[in-house]
Amino acid sequence: LWTINGVLIFAGQPLLAYIVKFFKSLSSQMY
């Protein structure tokens, strides 16, 4: 599970960048 955690953190950056486009403020990202 922790191996998957590490792989996702690295490989999931493009998806994360896409998500952040919709949740632009830092507070909305925290929510």
Full PDB file with SEQRES, HELIX, SHEET, SSBOND, CRYST1, ORIGX, SCALE, CONECT and MASTER records, all heavy atoms in Angstrom:
SEQRES   1 A   31  LEU TRP THR ILE ASN GLY VAL LEU ILE PHE ALA GLY GLN          
SEQRES   2 A   31  PRO LEU LEU ALA TYR ILE VAL LYS PHE PHE LYS SER LEU          
SEQRES   3 A   31  SER SER GLN MET TYR                                          
HELIX    1 AA1 TRP A    2  ALA A   11  1                                  10    
HELIX    2 AA2 GLN A   13  PHE A   22  1                                  10    
HELIX    3 AA3 LEU A   26  MET A   30  1                                   5    
CRYST1    1.000    1.000    1.000  90.00  90.00  90.00 P 1           1          
ORIGX1      1.000000  0.000000  0.000000        0.00000                         
ORIGX2      0.000000  1.000000  0.000000        0.00000                         
ORIGX3      0.000000  0.000000  1.000000        0.00000                         
SCALE1      1.000000  0.000000  0.000000        0.00000                         
SCALE2      0.000000  1.000000  0.000000        0.00000                         
SCALE3      0.000000  0.000000  1.000000        0.00000                         
ATOM      1  N   LEU A   1       0.825  -1.207   0.000  1.00  0.00           N  
ATOM      2  CA  LEU A   1       0.000   0.000   0.000  1.00  0.00           C  
ATOM      3  C   LEU A   1       0.861   1.259   0.000  1.00  0.00           C  
ATOM      4  O   LEU A   1       0.543   2.240  -0.678  1.00  0.00           O  
ATOM      5  CB  LEU A   1      -0.922   0.012   1.224  1.00  0.00           C  
ATOM      6  CG  LEU A   1      -2.019  -1.058   1.281  1.00  0.00           C  
ATOM      7  CD1 LEU A   1      -2.799  -0.921   2.588  1.00  0.00           C  
ATOM      8  CD2 LEU A   1      -2.950  -0.950   0.083  1.00  0.00           C  
ATOM      9  N   TRP A   2       1.962   1.241   0.756  1.00  0.00           N  
ATOM     10  CA  TRP A   2       2.837   2.416   0.811  1.00  0.00           C  
ATOM     11  C   TRP A   2       3.680   2.547  -0.448  1.00  0.00           C  
ATOM     12  O   TRP A   2       4.053   3.656  -0.849  1.00  0.00           O  
ATOM     13  CB  TRP A   2       3.719   2.358   2.059  1.00  0.00           C  
ATOM     14  CG  TRP A   2       2.908   2.585   3.284  1.00  0.00           C  
ATOM     15  CD1 TRP A   2       2.548   1.670   4.227  1.00  0.00           C  
ATOM     16  CD2 TRP A   2       2.297   3.817   3.682  1.00  0.00           C  
ATOM     17  NE1 TRP A   2       1.761   2.245   5.185  1.00  0.00           N  
ATOM     18  CE2 TRP A   2       1.593   3.564   4.888  1.00  0.00           C  
ATOM     19  CE3 TRP A   2       2.280   5.098   3.163  1.00  0.00           C  
ATOM     20  CZ2 TRP A   2       0.878   4.553   5.558  1.00  0.00           C  
ATOM     21  CZ3 TRP A   2       1.574   6.086   3.831  1.00  0.00           C  
ATOM     22  CH2 TRP A   2       0.886   5.811   5.007  1.00  0.00           C  
ATOM     23  N   THR A   3       3.959   1.426  -1.095  1.00  0.00           N  
ATOM     24  CA  THR A   3       4.611   1.494  -2.411  1.00  0.00           C  
ATOM     25  C   THR A   3       3.683   2.179  -3.407  1.00  0.00           C  
ATOM     26  O   THR A   3       4.104   3.050  -4.181  1.00  0.00           O  
ATOM     27  CB  THR A   3       4.964   0.084  -2.913  1.00  0.00           C  
ATOM     28  OG1 THR A   3       5.793  -0.560  -1.947  1.00  0.00           O  
ATOM     29  CG2 THR A   3       5.680   0.153  -4.247  1.00  0.00           C  
ATOM     30  N   ILE A   4       2.408   1.790  -3.368  1.00  0.00           N  
ATOM     31  CA  ILE A   4       1.413   2.412  -4.249  1.00  0.00           C  
ATOM     32  C   ILE A   4       1.281   3.900  -3.920  1.00  0.00           C  
ATOM     33  O   ILE A   4       1.162   4.743  -4.820  1.00  0.00           O  
ATOM     34  CB  ILE A   4       0.057   1.688  -4.102  1.00  0.00           C  
ATOM     35  CG1 ILE A   4       0.171   0.267  -4.679  1.00  0.00           C  
ATOM     36  CG2 ILE A   4      -1.064   2.459  -4.803  1.00  0.00           C  
ATOM     37  CD1 ILE A   4      -1.004  -0.622  -4.349  1.00  0.00           C  
ATOM     38  N   ASN A   5       1.312   4.227  -2.632  1.00  0.00           N  
ATOM     39  CA  ASN A   5       1.274   5.630  -2.207  1.00  0.00           C  
ATOM     40  C   ASN A   5       2.395   6.431  -2.862  1.00  0.00           C  
ATOM     41  O   ASN A   5       2.166   7.518  -3.426  1.00  0.00           O  
ATOM     42  CB  ASN A   5       1.380   5.680  -0.678  1.00  0.00           C  
ATOM     43  CG  ASN A   5       1.532   7.091  -0.133  1.00  0.00           C  
ATOM     44  OD1 ASN A   5       2.652   7.594   0.014  1.00  0.00           O  
ATOM     45  ND2 ASN A   5       0.426   7.735   0.186  1.00  0.00           N  
ATOM     46  N   GLY A   6       3.620   5.906  -2.822  1.00  0.00           N  
ATOM     47  CA  GLY A   6       4.765   6.603  -3.402  1.00  0.00           C  
ATOM     48  C   GLY A   6       4.666   6.731  -4.906  1.00  0.00           C  
ATOM     49  O   GLY A   6       4.979   7.777  -5.484  1.00  0.00           O  
ATOM     50  N   VAL A   7       4.217   5.655  -5.569  1.00  0.00           N  
ATOM     51  CA  VAL A   7       4.087   5.686  -7.032  1.00  0.00           C  
ATOM     52  C   VAL A   7       3.023   6.701  -7.447  1.00  0.00           C  
ATOM     53  O   VAL A   7       3.207   7.469  -8.405  1.00  0.00           O  
ATOM     54  CB  VAL A   7       3.737   4.283  -7.566  1.00  0.00           C  
ATOM     55  CG1 VAL A   7       3.362   4.339  -9.046  1.00  0.00           C  
ATOM     56  CG2 VAL A   7       4.911   3.334  -7.366  1.00  0.00           C  
ATOM     57  N   LEU A   8       1.902   6.725  -6.727  1.00  0.00           N  
ATOM     58  CA  LEU A   8       0.831   7.666  -7.056  1.00  0.00           C  
ATOM     59  C   LEU A   8       1.271   9.119  -6.900  1.00  0.00           C  
ATOM     60  O   LEU A   8       0.908   9.976  -7.697  1.00  0.00           O  
ATOM     61  CB  LEU A   8      -0.388   7.401  -6.171  1.00  0.00           C  
ATOM     62  CG  LEU A   8      -1.384   6.345  -6.632  1.00  0.00           C  
ATOM     63  CD1 LEU A   8      -2.485   6.167  -5.588  1.00  0.00           C  
ATOM     64  CD2 LEU A   8      -1.991   6.710  -7.981  1.00  0.00           C  
ATOM     65  N   ILE A   9       2.030   9.387  -5.835  1.00  0.00           N  
ATOM     66  CA  ILE A   9       2.497  10.755  -5.601  1.00  0.00           C  
ATOM     67  C   ILE A   9       3.340  11.233  -6.772  1.00  0.00           C  
ATOM     68  O   ILE A   9       3.242  12.394  -7.201  1.00  0.00           O  
ATOM     69  CB  ILE A   9       3.277  10.834  -4.280  1.00  0.00           C  
ATOM     70  CG1 ILE A   9       2.316  10.714  -3.095  1.00  0.00           C  
ATOM     71  CG2 ILE A   9       4.073  12.135  -4.179  1.00  0.00           C  
ATOM     72  CD1 ILE A   9       2.990  10.539  -1.759  1.00  0.00           C  
ATOM     73  N   PHE A  10       4.150  10.347  -7.321  1.00  0.00           N  
ATOM     74  CA  PHE A  10       5.012  10.721  -8.450  1.00  0.00           C  
ATOM     75  C   PHE A  10       4.234  10.732  -9.769  1.00  0.00           C  
ATOM     76  O   PHE A  10       4.280  11.716 -10.509  1.00  0.00           O  
ATOM     77  CB  PHE A  10       6.183   9.747  -8.543  1.00  0.00           C  
ATOM     78  CG  PHE A  10       7.152  10.079  -9.648  1.00  0.00           C  
ATOM     79  CD1 PHE A  10       7.983  11.177  -9.538  1.00  0.00           C  
ATOM     80  CD2 PHE A  10       7.221   9.301 -10.792  1.00  0.00           C  
ATOM     81  CE1 PHE A  10       8.873  11.507 -10.550  1.00  0.00           C  
ATOM     82  CE2 PHE A  10       8.108   9.616 -11.808  1.00  0.00           C  
ATOM     83  CZ  PHE A  10       8.938  10.721 -11.683  1.00  0.00           C  
ATOM     84  N   ALA A  11       3.500   9.650 -10.036  1.00  0.00           N  
ATOM     85  CA  ALA A  11       2.824   9.512 -11.329  1.00  0.00           C  
ATOM     86  C   ALA A  11       1.539  10.329 -11.411  1.00  0.00           C  
ATOM     87  O   ALA A  11       1.063  10.630 -12.510  1.00  0.00           O  
ATOM     88  CB  ALA A  11       2.516   8.038 -11.600  1.00  0.00           C  
ATOM     89  N   GLY A  12       0.962  10.692 -10.263  1.00  0.00           N  
ATOM     90  CA  GLY A  12      -0.317  11.388 -10.272  1.00  0.00           C  
ATOM     91  C   GLY A  12      -0.215  12.893 -10.385  1.00  0.00           C  
ATOM     92  O   GLY A  12      -1.243  13.579 -10.293  1.00  0.00           O  
ATOM     93  N   GLN A  13       0.999  13.431 -10.598  1.00  0.00           N  
ATOM     94  CA  GLN A  13       1.150  14.880 -10.674  1.00  0.00           C  
ATOM     95  C   GLN A  13       0.365  15.528 -11.822  1.00  0.00           C  
ATOM     96  O   GLN A  13      -0.219  16.600 -11.634  1.00  0.00           O  
ATOM     97  CB  GLN A  13       2.632  15.249 -10.761  1.00  0.00           C  
ATOM     98  CG  GLN A  13       3.423  14.968  -9.493  1.00  0.00           C  
ATOM     99  CD  GLN A  13       2.858  15.665  -8.274  1.00  0.00           C  
ATOM    100  OE1 GLN A  13       2.600  16.868  -8.295  1.00  0.00           O  
ATOM    101  NE2 GLN A  13       2.651  14.908  -7.201  1.00  0.00           N  
ATOM    102  N   PRO A  14       0.317  14.924 -13.031  1.00  0.00           N  
ATOM    103  CA  PRO A  14      -0.503  15.547 -14.083  1.00  0.00           C  
ATOM    104  C   PRO A  14      -1.980  15.641 -13.697  1.00  0.00           C  
ATOM    105  O   PRO A  14      -2.624  16.663 -13.948  1.00  0.00           O  
ATOM    106  CB  PRO A  14      -0.301  14.606 -15.285  1.00  0.00           C  
ATOM    107  CG  PRO A  14       1.022  13.966 -15.036  1.00  0.00           C  
ATOM    108  CD  PRO A  14       1.102  13.784 -13.568  1.00  0.00           C  
ATOM    109  N   LEU A  15      -2.516  14.576 -13.079  1.00  0.00           N  
ATOM    110  CA  LEU A  15      -3.909  14.616 -12.636  1.00  0.00           C  
ATOM    111  C   LEU A  15      -4.095  15.658 -11.535  1.00  0.00           C  
ATOM    112  O   LEU A  15      -5.101  16.381 -11.520  1.00  0.00           O  
ATOM    113  CB  LEU A  15      -4.331  13.232 -12.143  1.00  0.00           C  
ATOM    114  CG  LEU A  15      -5.764  13.118 -11.587  1.00  0.00           C  
ATOM    115  CD1 LEU A  15      -6.784  13.543 -12.629  1.00  0.00           C  
ATOM    116  CD2 LEU A  15      -6.037  11.684 -11.115  1.00  0.00           C  
ATOM    117  N   LEU A  16      -3.123  15.751 -10.649  1.00  0.00           N  
ATOM    118  CA  LEU A  16      -3.205  16.743  -9.578  1.00  0.00           C  
ATOM    119  C   LEU A  16      -3.220  18.159 -10.154  1.00  0.00           C  
ATOM    120  O   LEU A  16      -3.985  19.020  -9.700  1.00  0.00           O  
ATOM    121  CB  LEU A  16      -2.022  16.579  -8.625  1.00  0.00           C  
ATOM    122  CG  LEU A  16      -2.002  17.532  -7.425  1.00  0.00           C  
ATOM    123  CD1 LEU A  16      -3.150  17.230  -6.475  1.00  0.00           C  
ATOM    124  CD2 LEU A  16      -0.675  17.429  -6.688  1.00  0.00           C  
ATOM    125  N   ALA A  17      -2.372  18.409 -11.159  1.00  0.00           N  
ATOM    126  CA  ALA A  17      -2.345  19.725 -11.796  1.00  0.00           C  
ATOM    127  C   ALA A  17      -3.703  20.055 -12.414  1.00  0.00           C  
ATOM    128  O   ALA A  17      -4.158  21.207 -12.370  1.00  0.00           O  
ATOM    129  CB  ALA A  17      -1.248  19.763 -12.858  1.00  0.00           C  
ATOM    130  N   TYR A  18      -4.362  19.043 -12.969  1.00  0.00           N  
ATOM    131  CA  TYR A  18      -5.698  19.237 -13.560  1.00  0.00           C  
ATOM    132  C   TYR A  18      -6.718  19.579 -12.477  1.00  0.00           C  
ATOM    133  O   TYR A  18      -7.548  20.477 -12.645  1.00  0.00           O  
ATOM    134  CB  TYR A  18      -6.107  17.966 -14.298  1.00  0.00           C  
ATOM    135  CG  TYR A  18      -7.451  18.041 -14.975  1.00  0.00           C  
ATOM    136  CD1 TYR A  18      -7.608  18.732 -16.177  1.00  0.00           C  
ATOM    137  CD2 TYR A  18      -8.572  17.429 -14.409  1.00  0.00           C  
ATOM    138  CE1 TYR A  18      -8.849  18.804 -16.806  1.00  0.00           C  
ATOM    139  CE2 TYR A  18      -9.813  17.495 -15.020  1.00  0.00           C  
ATOM    140  CZ  TYR A  18      -9.946  18.181 -16.214  1.00  0.00           C  
ATOM    141  OH  TYR A  18     -11.173  18.258 -16.830  1.00  0.00           O  
ATOM    142  N   ILE A  19      -6.628  18.895 -11.335  1.00  0.00           N  
ATOM    143  CA  ILE A  19      -7.542  19.161 -10.220  1.00  0.00           C  
ATOM    144  C   ILE A  19      -7.351  20.574  -9.686  1.00  0.00           C  
ATOM    145  O   ILE A  19      -8.310  21.292  -9.403  1.00  0.00           O  
ATOM    146  CB  ILE A  19      -7.333  18.123  -9.101  1.00  0.00           C  
ATOM    147  CG1 ILE A  19      -7.757  16.731  -9.580  1.00  0.00           C  
ATOM    148  CG2 ILE A  19      -8.108  18.507  -7.845  1.00  0.00           C  
ATOM    149  CD1 ILE A  19      -7.402  15.619  -8.606  1.00  0.00           C  
ATOM    150  N   VAL A  20      -6.089  20.980  -9.553  1.00  0.00           N  
ATOM    151  CA  VAL A  20      -5.768  22.295  -8.981  1.00  0.00           C  
ATOM    152  C   VAL A  20      -6.313  23.430  -9.865  1.00  0.00           C  
ATOM    153  O   VAL A  20      -6.599  24.521  -9.369  1.00  0.00           O  
ATOM    154  CB  VAL A  20      -4.246  22.416  -8.759  1.00  0.00           C  
ATOM    155  CG1 VAL A  20      -3.833  23.847  -8.441  1.00  0.00           C  
ATOM    156  CG2 VAL A  20      -3.802  21.485  -7.633  1.00  0.00           C  
ATOM    157  N   LYS A  21      -6.474  23.170 -11.165  1.00  0.00           N  
ATOM    158  CA  LYS A  21      -7.049  24.190 -12.041  1.00  0.00           C  
ATOM    159  C   LYS A  21      -8.466  24.559 -11.624  1.00  0.00           C  
ATOM    160  O   LYS A  21      -8.913  25.695 -11.808  1.00  0.00           O  
ATOM    161  CB  LYS A  21      -7.057  23.686 -13.490  1.00  0.00           C  
ATOM    162  CG  LYS A  21      -5.686  23.668 -14.154  1.00  0.00           C  
ATOM    163  CD  LYS A  21      -5.790  23.198 -15.592  1.00  0.00           C  
ATOM    164  CE  LYS A  21      -4.424  23.159 -16.255  1.00  0.00           C  
ATOM    165  NZ  LYS A  21      -4.507  22.674 -17.665  1.00  0.00           N  
ATOM    166  N   PHE A  22      -9.199  23.581 -11.078  1.00  0.00           N  
ATOM    167  CA  PHE A  22     -10.575  23.822 -10.658  1.00  0.00           C  
ATOM    168  C   PHE A  22     -10.669  24.300  -9.211  1.00  0.00           C  
ATOM    169  O   PHE A  22     -11.623  24.958  -8.833  1.00  0.00           O  
ATOM    170  CB  PHE A  22     -11.407  22.542 -10.834  1.00  0.00           C  
ATOM    171  CG  PHE A  22     -11.598  22.157 -12.271  1.00  0.00           C  
ATOM    172  CD1 PHE A  22     -10.748  21.252 -12.877  1.00  0.00           C  
ATOM    173  CD2 PHE A  22     -12.621  22.722 -13.033  1.00  0.00           C  
ATOM    174  CE1 PHE A  22     -10.913  20.903 -14.210  1.00  0.00           C  
ATOM    175  CE2 PHE A  22     -12.790  22.375 -14.372  1.00  0.00           C  
ATOM    176  CZ  PHE A  22     -11.935  21.466 -14.967  1.00  0.00           C  
ATOM    177  N   PHE A  23      -9.669  23.925  -8.413  1.00  0.00           N  
ATOM    178  CA  PHE A  23      -9.625  24.355  -7.012  1.00  0.00           C  
ATOM    179  C   PHE A  23      -8.398  25.251  -6.852  1.00  0.00           C  
ATOM    180  O   PHE A  23      -7.383  24.847  -6.313  1.00  0.00           O  
ATOM    181  CB  PHE A  23      -9.545  23.143  -6.083  1.00  0.00           C  
ATOM    182  CG  PHE A  23     -10.756  22.255  -6.132  1.00  0.00           C  
ATOM    183  CD1 PHE A  23     -10.856  21.245  -7.078  1.00  0.00           C  
ATOM    184  CD2 PHE A  23     -11.801  22.438  -5.243  1.00  0.00           C  
ATOM    185  CE1 PHE A  23     -11.973  20.436  -7.124  1.00  0.00           C  
ATOM    186  CE2 PHE A  23     -12.916  21.625  -5.279  1.00  0.00           C  
ATOM    187  CZ  PHE A  23     -13.007  20.616  -6.232  1.00  0.00           C  
ATOM    188  N   LYS A  24      -8.517  26.476  -7.337  1.00  0.00           N  
ATOM    189  CA  LYS A  24      -7.348  27.327  -7.485  1.00  0.00           C  
ATOM    190  C   LYS A  24      -6.836  27.871  -6.165  1.00  0.00           C  
ATOM    191  O   LYS A  24      -5.625  27.971  -5.960  1.00  0.00           O  
ATOM    192  CB  LYS A  24      -7.667  28.490  -8.441  1.00  0.00           C  
ATOM    193  CG  LYS A  24      -7.886  28.023  -9.884  1.00  0.00           C  
ATOM    194  CD  LYS A  24      -8.091  29.209 -10.800  1.00  0.00           C  
ATOM    195  CE  LYS A  24      -8.254  28.746 -12.245  1.00  0.00           C  
ATOM    196  NZ  LYS A  24      -8.431  29.888 -13.166  1.00  0.00           N  
ATOM    197  N   SER A  25      -7.712  28.257  -5.266  1.00  0.00           N  
ATOM    198  CA  SER A  25      -7.243  28.829  -4.006  1.00  0.00           C  
ATOM    199  C   SER A  25      -6.725  27.727  -3.094  1.00  0.00           C  
ATOM    200  O   SER A  25      -7.177  26.578  -3.148  1.00  0.00           O  
ATOM    201  CB  SER A  25      -8.365  29.594  -3.315  1.00  0.00           C  
ATOM    202  OG  SER A  25      -9.345  28.704  -2.831  1.00  0.00           O  
ATOM    203  N   LEU A  26      -5.775  28.088  -2.249  1.00  0.00           N  
ATOM    204  CA  LEU A  26      -5.218  27.111  -1.322  1.00  0.00           C  
ATOM    205  C   LEU A  26      -6.265  26.613  -0.337  1.00  0.00           C  
ATOM    206  O   LEU A  26      -6.261  25.445   0.044  1.00  0.00           O  
ATOM    207  CB  LEU A  26      -4.036  27.728  -0.575  1.00  0.00           C  
ATOM    208  CG  LEU A  26      -2.782  27.959  -1.422  1.00  0.00           C  
ATOM    209  CD1 LEU A  26      -1.747  28.763  -0.632  1.00  0.00           C  
ATOM    210  CD2 LEU A  26      -2.183  26.648  -1.883  1.00  0.00           C  
ATOM    211  N   SER A  27      -7.180  27.488   0.075  1.00  0.00           N  
ATOM    212  CA  SER A  27      -8.213  27.053   1.018  1.00  0.00           C  
ATOM    213  C   SER A  27      -9.128  26.006   0.389  1.00  0.00           C  
ATOM    214  O   SER A  27      -9.491  25.016   1.043  1.00  0.00           O  
ATOM    215  CB  SER A  27      -9.033  28.248   1.505  1.00  0.00           C  
ATOM    216  OG  SER A  27      -9.594  28.959   0.425  1.00  0.00           O  
ATOM    217  N   SER A  28      -9.492  26.169  -0.881  1.00  0.00           N  
ATOM    218  CA  SER A  28     -10.355  25.177  -1.536  1.00  0.00           C  
ATOM    219  C   SER A  28      -9.624  23.845  -1.694  1.00  0.00           C  
ATOM    220  O   SER A  28     -10.236  22.773  -1.602  1.00  0.00           O  
ATOM    221  CB  SER A  28     -10.827  25.695  -2.898  1.00  0.00           C  
ATOM    222  OG  SER A  28      -9.737  25.854  -3.795  1.00  0.00           O  
ATOM    223  N   GLN A  29      -8.306  23.893  -1.899  1.00  0.00           N  
ATOM    224  CA  GLN A  29      -7.528  22.650  -1.964  1.00  0.00           C  
ATOM    225  C   GLN A  29      -7.500  21.957  -0.604  1.00  0.00           C  
ATOM    226  O   GLN A  29      -7.542  20.729  -0.517  1.00  0.00           O  
ATOM    227  CB  GLN A  29      -6.114  22.955  -2.436  1.00  0.00           C  
ATOM    228  CG  GLN A  29      -6.042  23.421  -3.888  1.00  0.00           C  
ATOM    229  CD  GLN A  29      -4.679  23.962  -4.265  1.00  0.00           C  
ATOM    230  OE1 GLN A  29      -3.665  23.519  -3.746  1.00  0.00           O  
ATOM    231  NE2 GLN A  29      -4.655  24.930  -5.168  1.00  0.00           N  
ATOM    232  N   MET A  30      -7.449  22.738   0.469  1.00  0.00           N  
ATOM    233  CA  MET A  30      -7.492  22.153   1.814  1.00  0.00           C  
ATOM    234  C   MET A  30      -8.843  21.507   2.078  1.00  0.00           C  
ATOM    235  O   MET A  30      -8.923  20.424   2.670  1.00  0.00           O  
ATOM    236  CB  MET A  30      -7.205  23.227   2.859  1.00  0.00           C  
ATOM    237  CG  MET A  30      -5.790  23.762   2.833  1.00  0.00           C  
ATOM    238  SD  MET A  30      -5.608  25.118   4.031  1.00  0.00           S  
ATOM    239  CE  MET A  30      -4.238  26.006   3.300  1.00  0.00           C  
ATOM    240  N   TYR A  31      -9.929  22.165   1.650  1.00  0.00           N  
ATOM    241  CA  TYR A  31     -11.254  21.576   1.839  1.00  0.00           C  
ATOM    242  C   TYR A  31     -11.350  20.236   1.099  1.00  0.00           C  
ATOM    243  O   TYR A  31     -11.859  19.253   1.648  1.00  0.00           O  
ATOM    244  CB  TYR A  31     -12.351  22.511   1.306  1.00  0.00           C  
ATOM    245  CG  TYR A  31     -12.413  23.864   1.959  1.00  0.00           C  
ATOM    246  CD1 TYR A  31     -12.860  24.970   1.250  1.00  0.00           C  
ATOM    247  CD2 TYR A  31     -12.040  24.054   3.285  1.00  0.00           C  
ATOM    248  CE1 TYR A  31     -12.927  26.224   1.842  1.00  0.00           C  
ATOM    249  CE2 TYR A  31     -12.100  25.298   3.883  1.00  0.00           C  
ATOM    250  CZ  TYR A  31     -12.541  26.387   3.152  1.00  0.00           C  
ATOM    251  OH  TYR A  31     -12.596  27.632   3.735  1.00  0.00           O  
TER     252      TYR A  31                                                      
MASTER        0    0    0    3    0    0    0    6  251    1    0    3          
END                                                                             
